[in-house]
């Protein structure tokens, strides 16, 4: 498959997944609102969870809904947004490096077992590509896009957008690794866009959740369009 076709496929896949994740969020909010109204109207409920031993009823569910809807659902879909975007970046880099493997500038040796067990040169190239992807995505978002700009001159995203992406990734990392409690690591990663002070709990208000989703969709489209224009 030609590079432009692989990039289009990666773009379309990421766009579809982002839309599906947002629809899941919106539809889930609608479902919670519908259920809340049903409970207010006197609907009875008795749902045992055989795994935890918890039983949900019309008496205890209303107190849970705000946490489920505004915190757990929002956090889960936010993390999904970032995972989809990073998946797109992985597909983007892999497609480009497979088409132009001369851009693999690794100084690390290839393990002997990889060479001996490889069926052909392509398998060794894929090993080098995977190693390059892991090494790059482990770095800061600013480093990701500096890598692209140096080699591809895409001209996007903007410096301000990269800062927003860095703060969003720092927020996601905080939710995963520190239960959402702000620490110095978040402050360092988020820079001037840090939204909370050390010791506070991170929050994902609806406008922020929506803004980051729109930003990711925009960056996916612009990066794809830029590389397709360079390699028509």
C-alpha atoms as a PDB file:
ATOM      1  CA  UNK A   1       0.000   0.000   0.000  1.00  0.00           C
ATOM      2  CA  UNK A   2       1.308   3.456  -0.911  1.00  0.00           C
ATOM      3  CA  UNK A   3       2.240   5.798   1.933  1.00  0.00           C
ATOM      4  CA  UNK A   4      -0.604   8.207   1.178  1.00  0.00           C
ATOM      5  CA  UNK A   5      -3.108   5.346   1.332  1.00  0.00           C
ATOM      6  CA  UNK A   6      -1.734   4.083   4.650  1.00  0.00           C
ATOM      7  CA  UNK A   7      -1.933   7.596   6.100  1.00  0.00           C
ATOM      8  CA  UNK A   8      -5.501   8.015   4.866  1.00  0.00           C
ATOM      9  CA  UNK A   9      -6.420   4.681   6.451  1.00  0.00           C
ATOM     10  CA  UNK A  10      -4.781   5.684   9.753  1.00  0.00           C
ATOM     11  CA  UNK A  11      -6.544   9.068   9.657  1.00  0.00           C
ATOM     12  CA  UNK A  12      -9.945   7.568   8.909  1.00  0.00           C
ATOM     13  CA  UNK A  13      -9.527   4.902  11.577  1.00  0.00           C
ATOM     14  CA  UNK A  14      -8.527   7.443  14.239  1.00  0.00           C
ATOM     15  CA  UNK A  15     -11.371   9.777  13.251  1.00  0.00           C
ATOM     16  CA  UNK A  16     -13.926   6.953  13.433  1.00  0.00           C
ATOM     17  CA  UNK A  17     -12.598   5.810  16.813  1.00  0.00           C
ATOM     18  CA  UNK A  18     -12.619   9.339  18.239  1.00  0.00           C
ATOM     19  CA  UNK A  19     -16.183   9.869  17.056  1.00  0.00           C
ATOM     20  CA  UNK A  20     -17.252   6.506  18.503  1.00  0.00           C
ATOM     21  CA  UNK A  21     -15.625   7.329  21.852  1.00  0.00           C
ATOM     22  CA  UNK A  22     -17.366  10.703  21.992  1.00  0.00           C
ATOM     23  CA  UNK A  23     -20.692   9.149  20.991  1.00  0.00           C
ATOM     24  CA  UNK A  24     -20.255   6.599  23.773  1.00  0.00           C
ATOM     25  CA  UNK A  25     -19.747   9.456  26.232  1.00  0.00           C
ATOM     26  CA  UNK A  26     -22.738  11.451  24.975  1.00  0.00           C
ATOM     27  CA  UNK A  27     -25.029   8.419  24.753  1.00  0.00           C
ATOM     28  CA  UNK A  28     -24.010   7.283  28.237  1.00  0.00           C
ATOM     29  CA  UNK A  29     -24.835  10.716  29.658  1.00  0.00           C
ATOM     30  CA  UNK A  30     -28.234  10.500  27.954  1.00  0.00           C
ATOM     31  CA  UNK A  31     -28.790   7.025  29.390  1.00  0.00           C
ATOM     32  CA  UNK A  32     -27.951   8.179  32.927  1.00  0.00           C
ATOM     33  CA  UNK A  33     -30.330  11.126  32.560  1.00  0.00           C
ATOM     34  CA  UNK A  34     -33.072   8.816  31.282  1.00  0.00           C
ATOM     35  CA  UNK A  35     -32.516   6.401  34.162  1.00  0.00           C
ATOM     36  CA  UNK A  36     -32.500   9.246  36.682  1.00  0.00           C
ATOM     37  CA  UNK A  37     -35.876  10.436  35.414  1.00  0.00           C
ATOM     38  CA  UNK A  38     -37.238   6.889  35.554  1.00  0.00           C
ATOM     39  CA  UNK A  39     -36.142   6.558  39.176  1.00  0.00           C
ATOM     40  CA  UNK A  40     -37.671   9.941  40.000  1.00  0.00           C
ATOM     41  CA  UNK A  41     -40.925   8.662  38.510  1.00  0.00           C
ATOM     42  CA  UNK A  42     -40.907   5.707  40.897  1.00  0.00           C
ATOM     43  CA  UNK A  43     -39.237   2.998  38.804  1.00  0.00           C
ATOM     44  CA  UNK A  44     -38.075   0.066  40.982  1.00  0.00           C
ATOM     45  CA  UNK A  45     -34.621  -1.447  40.572  1.00  0.00           C
ATOM     46  CA  UNK A  46     -32.836  -4.443  42.062  1.00  0.00           C
ATOM     47  CA  UNK A  47     -29.604  -5.465  40.299  1.00  0.00           C
ATOM     48  CA  UNK A  48     -27.149  -7.671  42.213  1.00  0.00           C
ATOM     49  CA  UNK A  49     -23.497  -7.785  41.177  1.00  0.00           C
ATOM     50  CA  UNK A  50     -22.376 -11.371  41.835  1.00  0.00           C
ATOM     51  CA  UNK A  51     -18.716 -10.398  41.478  1.00  0.00           C
ATOM     52  CA  UNK A  52     -18.588  -7.681  44.163  1.00  0.00           C
ATOM     53  CA  UNK A  53     -21.630  -8.635  46.195  1.00  0.00           C
ATOM     54  CA  UNK A  54     -23.089  -5.153  45.738  1.00  0.00           C
ATOM     55  CA  UNK A  55     -26.782  -4.734  45.007  1.00  0.00           C
ATOM     56  CA  UNK A  56     -27.940  -1.619  43.194  1.00  0.00           C
ATOM     57  CA  UNK A  57     -31.471  -0.423  43.920  1.00  0.00           C
ATOM     58  CA  UNK A  58     -33.654   2.608  43.301  1.00  0.00           C
ATOM     59  CA  UNK A  59     -32.640   3.763  46.779  1.00  0.00           C
ATOM     60  CA  UNK A  60     -28.850   3.818  46.364  1.00  0.00           C
ATOM     61  CA  UNK A  61     -28.318   4.419  42.635  1.00  0.00           C
ATOM     62  CA  UNK A  62     -29.254   8.146  42.541  1.00  0.00           C
ATOM     63  CA  UNK A  63     -26.332   8.948  44.846  1.00  0.00           C
ATOM     64  CA  UNK A  64     -23.955   7.085  42.519  1.00  0.00           C
ATOM     65  CA  UNK A  65     -25.053   8.660  39.250  1.00  0.00           C
ATOM     66  CA  UNK A  66     -23.182  11.997  39.593  1.00  0.00           C
ATOM     67  CA  UNK A  67     -19.883  10.162  40.202  1.00  0.00           C
ATOM     68  CA  UNK A  68     -20.492   7.682  37.389  1.00  0.00           C
ATOM     69  CA  UNK A  69     -21.544  10.322  34.899  1.00  0.00           C
ATOM     70  CA  UNK A  70     -19.319  13.318  35.668  1.00  0.00           C
ATOM     71  CA  UNK A  71     -16.174  11.564  36.888  1.00  0.00           C
ATOM     72  CA  UNK A  72     -15.758   7.928  35.934  1.00  0.00           C
ATOM     73  CA  UNK A  73     -17.319   8.165  32.481  1.00  0.00           C
ATOM     74  CA  UNK A  74     -15.514  11.400  31.628  1.00  0.00           C
ATOM     75  CA  UNK A  75     -12.156  10.108  32.847  1.00  0.00           C
ATOM     76  CA  UNK A  76     -12.532   6.831  30.947  1.00  0.00           C
ATOM     77  CA  UNK A  77     -13.437   8.483  27.643  1.00  0.00           C
ATOM     78  CA  UNK A  78     -10.735  11.143  28.062  1.00  0.00           C
ATOM     79  CA  UNK A  79      -8.132   8.418  28.469  1.00  0.00           C
ATOM     80  CA  UNK A  80      -9.592   6.701  25.415  1.00  0.00           C
ATOM     81  CA  UNK A  81      -9.226   9.906  23.362  1.00  0.00           C
ATOM     82  CA  UNK A  82      -5.507  10.092  24.179  1.00  0.00           C
ATOM     83  CA  UNK A  83      -4.967   6.382  23.530  1.00  0.00           C
ATOM     84  CA  UNK A  84      -6.601   6.695  20.100  1.00  0.00           C
ATOM     85  CA  UNK A  85      -4.411   9.675  19.252  1.00  0.00           C
ATOM     86  CA  UNK A  86      -1.233   7.876  20.299  1.00  0.00           C
ATOM     87  CA  UNK A  87      -2.372   4.895  18.233  1.00  0.00           C
ATOM     88  CA  UNK A  88      -2.672   7.231  15.250  1.00  0.00           C
ATOM     89  CA  UNK A  89       0.852   8.543  15.837  1.00  0.00           C
ATOM     90  CA  UNK A  90       2.136   4.971  15.967  1.00  0.00           C
ATOM     91  CA  UNK A  91       0.439   4.151  12.648  1.00  0.00           C
ATOM     92  CA  UNK A  92       1.683   7.434  11.158  1.00  0.00           C
ATOM     93  CA  UNK A  93       5.328   6.825  12.082  1.00  0.00           C
ATOM     94  CA  UNK A  94       5.233   3.162  11.072  1.00  0.00           C
ATOM     95  CA  UNK A  95       3.776   3.929   7.641  1.00  0.00           C
ATOM     96  CA  UNK A  96       6.364   6.619   6.958  1.00  0.00           C
ATOM     97  CA  UNK A  97       9.368   4.616   8.177  1.00  0.00           C
ATOM     98  CA  UNK A  98       8.300   1.536   6.228  1.00  0.00           C
ATOM     99  CA  UNK A  99       8.167   3.664   3.095  1.00  0.00           C
ATOM    100  CA  UNK A 100      11.412   5.499   3.895  1.00  0.00           C
ATOM    101  CA  UNK A 101      13.480   3.206   6.172  1.00  0.00           C
ATOM    102  CA  UNK A 102      16.594   5.272   5.480  1.00  0.00           C
ATOM    103  CA  UNK A 103      15.240   7.626   8.155  1.00  0.00           C
ATOM    104  CA  UNK A 104      15.897   4.969  10.798  1.00  0.00           C
ATOM    105  CA  UNK A 105      18.924   6.498  12.485  1.00  0.00           C
ATOM    106  CA  UNK A 106      19.509   4.068  15.340  1.00  0.00           C
ATOM    107  CA  UNK A 107      22.976   3.740  16.825  1.00  0.00           C
ATOM    108  CA  UNK A 108      21.902   0.804  18.976  1.00  0.00           C
ATOM    109  CA  UNK A 109      22.903  -2.646  17.693  1.00  0.00           C
ATOM    110  CA  UNK A 110      20.265  -5.115  16.599  1.00  0.00           C
ATOM    111  CA  UNK A 111      20.225  -8.095  18.998  1.00  0.00           C
ATOM    112  CA  UNK A 112      21.746 -11.209  17.472  1.00  0.00           C
ATOM    113  CA  UNK A 113      18.634 -13.294  18.197  1.00  0.00           C
ATOM    114  CA  UNK A 114      16.485 -10.826  16.244  1.00  0.00           C
ATOM    115  CA  UNK A 115      18.779 -11.187  13.230  1.00  0.00           C
ATOM    116  CA  UNK A 116      18.966 -14.976  13.449  1.00  0.00           C
ATOM    117  CA  UNK A 117      15.228 -15.477  13.932  1.00  0.00           C
ATOM    118  CA  UNK A 118      14.097 -12.956  11.315  1.00  0.00           C
ATOM    119  CA  UNK A 119      12.554 -14.469   8.190  1.00  0.00           C
ATOM    120  CA  UNK A 120      13.753 -11.609   6.026  1.00  0.00           C
ATOM    121  CA  UNK A 121      15.080  -8.058   5.998  1.00  0.00           C
ATOM    122  CA  UNK A 122      11.561  -6.665   6.470  1.00  0.00           C
ATOM    123  CA  UNK A 123      11.256  -8.303   9.888  1.00  0.00           C
ATOM    124  CA  UNK A 124      14.494  -6.656  11.012  1.00  0.00           C
ATOM    125  CA  UNK A 125      13.271  -3.325   9.644  1.00  0.00           C
ATOM    126  CA  UNK A 126       9.994  -3.716  11.548  1.00  0.00           C
ATOM    127  CA  UNK A 127      11.936  -4.436  14.738  1.00  0.00           C
ATOM    128  CA  UNK A 128      13.893  -1.202  14.249  1.00  0.00           C
ATOM    129  CA  UNK A 129      10.698   0.722  13.505  1.00  0.00           C
ATOM    130  CA  UNK A 130       8.955  -0.604  16.617  1.00  0.00           C
ATOM    131  CA  UNK A 131      11.980   0.293  18.721  1.00  0.00           C
ATOM    132  CA  UNK A 132      12.053   3.797  17.239  1.00  0.00           C
ATOM    133  CA  UNK A 133       8.328   4.287  17.929  1.00  0.00           C
ATOM    134  CA  UNK A 134       8.594   3.182  21.552  1.00  0.00           C
ATOM    135  CA  UNK A 135      11.631   5.391  22.076  1.00  0.00           C
ATOM    136  CA  UNK A 136       9.915   8.431  20.582  1.00  0.00           C
ATOM    137  CA  UNK A 137       6.535   8.104  22.306  1.00  0.00           C
ATOM    138  CA  UNK A 138       8.252   7.668  25.661  1.00  0.00           C
ATOM    139  CA  UNK A 139       9.468  11.255  25.267  1.00  0.00           C
ATOM    140  CA  UNK A 140       7.581  14.533  25.681  1.00  0.00           C
ATOM    141  CA  UNK A 141       4.986  15.631  23.093  1.00  0.00           C
ATOM    142  CA  UNK A 142       7.276  18.540  22.199  1.00  0.00           C
ATOM    143  CA  UNK A 143       9.909  15.970  21.224  1.00  0.00           C
ATOM    144  CA  UNK A 144       7.402  14.006  19.133  1.00  0.00           C
ATOM    145  CA  UNK A 145       6.594  16.962  16.951  1.00  0.00           C
ATOM    146  CA  UNK A 146      10.177  18.229  16.825  1.00  0.00           C
ATOM    147  CA  UNK A 147      11.036  14.811  15.372  1.00  0.00           C
ATOM    148  CA  UNK A 148       8.357  15.174  12.694  1.00  0.00           C
ATOM    149  CA  UNK A 149       9.213  18.782  11.904  1.00  0.00           C
ATOM    150  CA  UNK A 150      12.920  18.055  11.507  1.00  0.00           C
ATOM    151  CA  UNK A 151      12.319  15.206   9.083  1.00  0.00           C
ATOM    152  CA  UNK A 152       9.026  16.017   7.382  1.00  0.00           C
ATOM    153  CA  UNK A 153       8.480  19.780   7.761  1.00  0.00           C
ATOM    154  CA  UNK A 154       4.745  19.285   8.301  1.00  0.00           C
ATOM    155  CA  UNK A 155       4.178  22.734   9.790  1.00  0.00           C
ATOM    156  CA  UNK A 156       1.650  21.403  12.293  1.00  0.00           C
ATOM    157  CA  UNK A 157       0.489  21.331  15.006  1.00  0.00           C
ATOM    158  CA  UNK A 158       1.226  24.856  16.243  1.00  0.00           C
ATOM    159  CA  UNK A 159       3.388  25.526  19.296  1.00  0.00           C
ATOM    160  CA  UNK A 160       0.276  26.448  21.291  1.00  0.00           C
ATOM    161  CA  UNK A 161      -1.441  23.214  20.268  1.00  0.00           C
ATOM    162  CA  UNK A 162       1.600  21.175  21.265  1.00  0.00           C
ATOM    163  CA  UNK A 163       1.473  22.774  24.710  1.00  0.00           C
ATOM    164  CA  UNK A 164      -2.202  21.844  25.021  1.00  0.00           C
ATOM    165  CA  UNK A 165      -1.439  18.279  23.973  1.00  0.00           C
ATOM    166  CA  UNK A 166       1.335  18.118  26.564  1.00  0.00           C
ATOM    167  CA  UNK A 167      -1.040  19.242  29.314  1.00  0.00           C
ATOM    168  CA  UNK A 168      -3.676  16.736  28.190  1.00  0.00           C
ATOM    169  CA  UNK A 169      -1.146  13.905  28.218  1.00  0.00           C
ATOM    170  CA  UNK A 170       0.044  15.013  31.669  1.00  0.00           C
ATOM    171  CA  UNK A 171      -3.568  14.914  32.860  1.00  0.00           C
ATOM    172  CA  UNK A 172      -4.049  11.419  31.432  1.00  0.00           C
ATOM    173  CA  UNK A 173      -0.795  10.223  33.043  1.00  0.00           C
ATOM    174  CA  UNK A 174      -1.906  11.653  36.384  1.00  0.00           C
ATOM    175  CA  UNK A 175      -5.218   9.794  36.237  1.00  0.00           C
ATOM    176  CA  UNK A 176      -3.450   6.524  35.479  1.00  0.00           C
ATOM    177  CA  UNK A 177      -0.409   6.768  37.719  1.00  0.00           C
ATOM    178  CA  UNK A 178      -1.392   8.970  40.675  1.00  0.00           C
ATOM    179  CA  UNK A 179      -5.170   8.570  41.137  1.00  0.00           C
ATOM    180  CA  UNK A 180      -5.671  12.069  39.742  1.00  0.00           C
ATOM    181  CA  UNK A 181      -3.755  13.800  42.528  1.00  0.00           C
ATOM    182  CA  UNK A 182      -1.606  16.607  41.128  1.00  0.00           C
ATOM    183  CA  UNK A 183       2.120  16.219  41.732  1.00  0.00           C
ATOM    184  CA  UNK A 184       5.317  17.920  40.629  1.00  0.00           C
ATOM    185  CA  UNK A 185       5.561  15.610  37.625  1.00  0.00           C
ATOM    186  CA  UNK A 186       2.258  16.944  36.286  1.00  0.00           C
ATOM    187  CA  UNK A 187       3.361  20.538  36.900  1.00  0.00           C
ATOM    188  CA  UNK A 188       6.601  19.942  34.991  1.00  0.00           C
ATOM    189  CA  UNK A 189       4.865  18.216  32.066  1.00  0.00           C
ATOM    190  CA  UNK A 190       1.973  20.684  31.822  1.00  0.00           C
ATOM    191  CA  UNK A 191       4.164  23.779  32.106  1.00  0.00           C
ATOM    192  CA  UNK A 192       2.361  27.099  31.979  1.00  0.00           C
ATOM    193  CA  UNK A 193      -0.924  25.333  31.157  1.00  0.00           C
ATOM    194  CA  UNK A 194      -1.035  23.427  34.456  1.00  0.00           C
ATOM    195  CA  UNK A 195      -4.652  23.667  35.645  1.00  0.00           C
ATOM    196  CA  UNK A 196      -4.219  22.732  39.297  1.00  0.00           C
ATOM    197  CA  UNK A 197      -1.697  23.006  42.138  1.00  0.00           C
ATOM    198  CA  UNK A 198       0.195  20.177  43.808  1.00  0.00           C
ATOM    199  CA  UNK A 199      -2.059  18.149  46.110  1.00  0.00           C
ATOM    200  CA  UNK A 200      -5.308  19.030  44.357  1.00  0.00           C
ATOM    201  CA  UNK A 201      -7.418  16.504  42.471  1.00  0.00           C
ATOM    202  CA  UNK A 202      -7.432  16.935  38.711  1.00  0.00           C
ATOM    203  CA  UNK A 203     -10.807  17.760  37.193  1.00  0.00           C
ATOM    204  CA  UNK A 204     -12.169  17.223  33.692  1.00  0.00           C
ATOM    205  CA  UNK A 205     -14.968  19.741  33.168  1.00  0.00           C
ATOM    206  CA  UNK A 206     -17.148  19.122  30.143  1.00  0.00           C
ATOM    207  CA  UNK A 207     -15.752  22.059  28.087  1.00  0.00           C
ATOM    208  CA  UNK A 208     -12.171  20.833  28.640  1.00  0.00           C
ATOM    209  CA  UNK A 209     -13.146  17.269  27.704  1.00  0.00           C
ATOM    210  CA  UNK A 210     -14.750  18.581  24.501  1.00  0.00           C
ATOM    211  CA  UNK A 211     -11.876  20.951  23.643  1.00  0.00           C
ATOM    212  CA  UNK A 212      -9.261  18.199  23.857  1.00  0.00           C
ATOM    213  CA  UNK A 213     -11.378  15.894  21.709  1.00  0.00           C
ATOM    214  CA  UNK A 214     -11.676  18.605  19.059  1.00  0.00           C
ATOM    215  CA  UNK A 215      -7.936  19.328  19.245  1.00  0.00           C
ATOM    216  CA  UNK A 216      -7.015  15.670  18.713  1.00  0.00           C
ATOM    217  CA  UNK A 217      -9.385  15.387  15.756  1.00  0.00           C
ATOM    218  CA  UNK A 218      -7.884  18.562  14.247  1.00  0.00           C
ATOM    219  CA  UNK A 219      -4.274  17.432  14.664  1.00  0.00           C
ATOM    220  CA  UNK A 220      -5.014  14.015  13.165  1.00  0.00           C
ATOM    221  CA  UNK A 221      -6.563  15.669  10.095  1.00  0.00           C
ATOM    222  CA  UNK A 222      -3.861  18.309   9.652  1.00  0.00           C
ATOM    223  CA  UNK A 223      -0.917  15.938  10.059  1.00  0.00           C
ATOM    224  CA  UNK A 224      -2.493  13.523   7.592  1.00  0.00           C
ATOM    225  CA  UNK A 225      -3.230  16.229   5.037  1.00  0.00           C
ATOM    226  CA  UNK A 226       0.303  17.620   5.367  1.00  0.00           C
ATOM    227  CA  UNK A 227       2.105  14.340   4.711  1.00  0.00           C
ATOM    228  CA  UNK A 228      -0.280  13.332   1.914  1.00  0.00           C
ATOM    229  CA  UNK A 229       0.482  16.658   0.221  1.00  0.00           C
ATOM    230  CA  UNK A 230       4.215  15.932   0.463  1.00  0.00           C
ATOM    231  CA  UNK A 231       3.917  12.382  -0.852  1.00  0.00           C
ATOM    232  CA  UNK A 232       0.986  12.510  -3.315  1.00  0.00           C
END
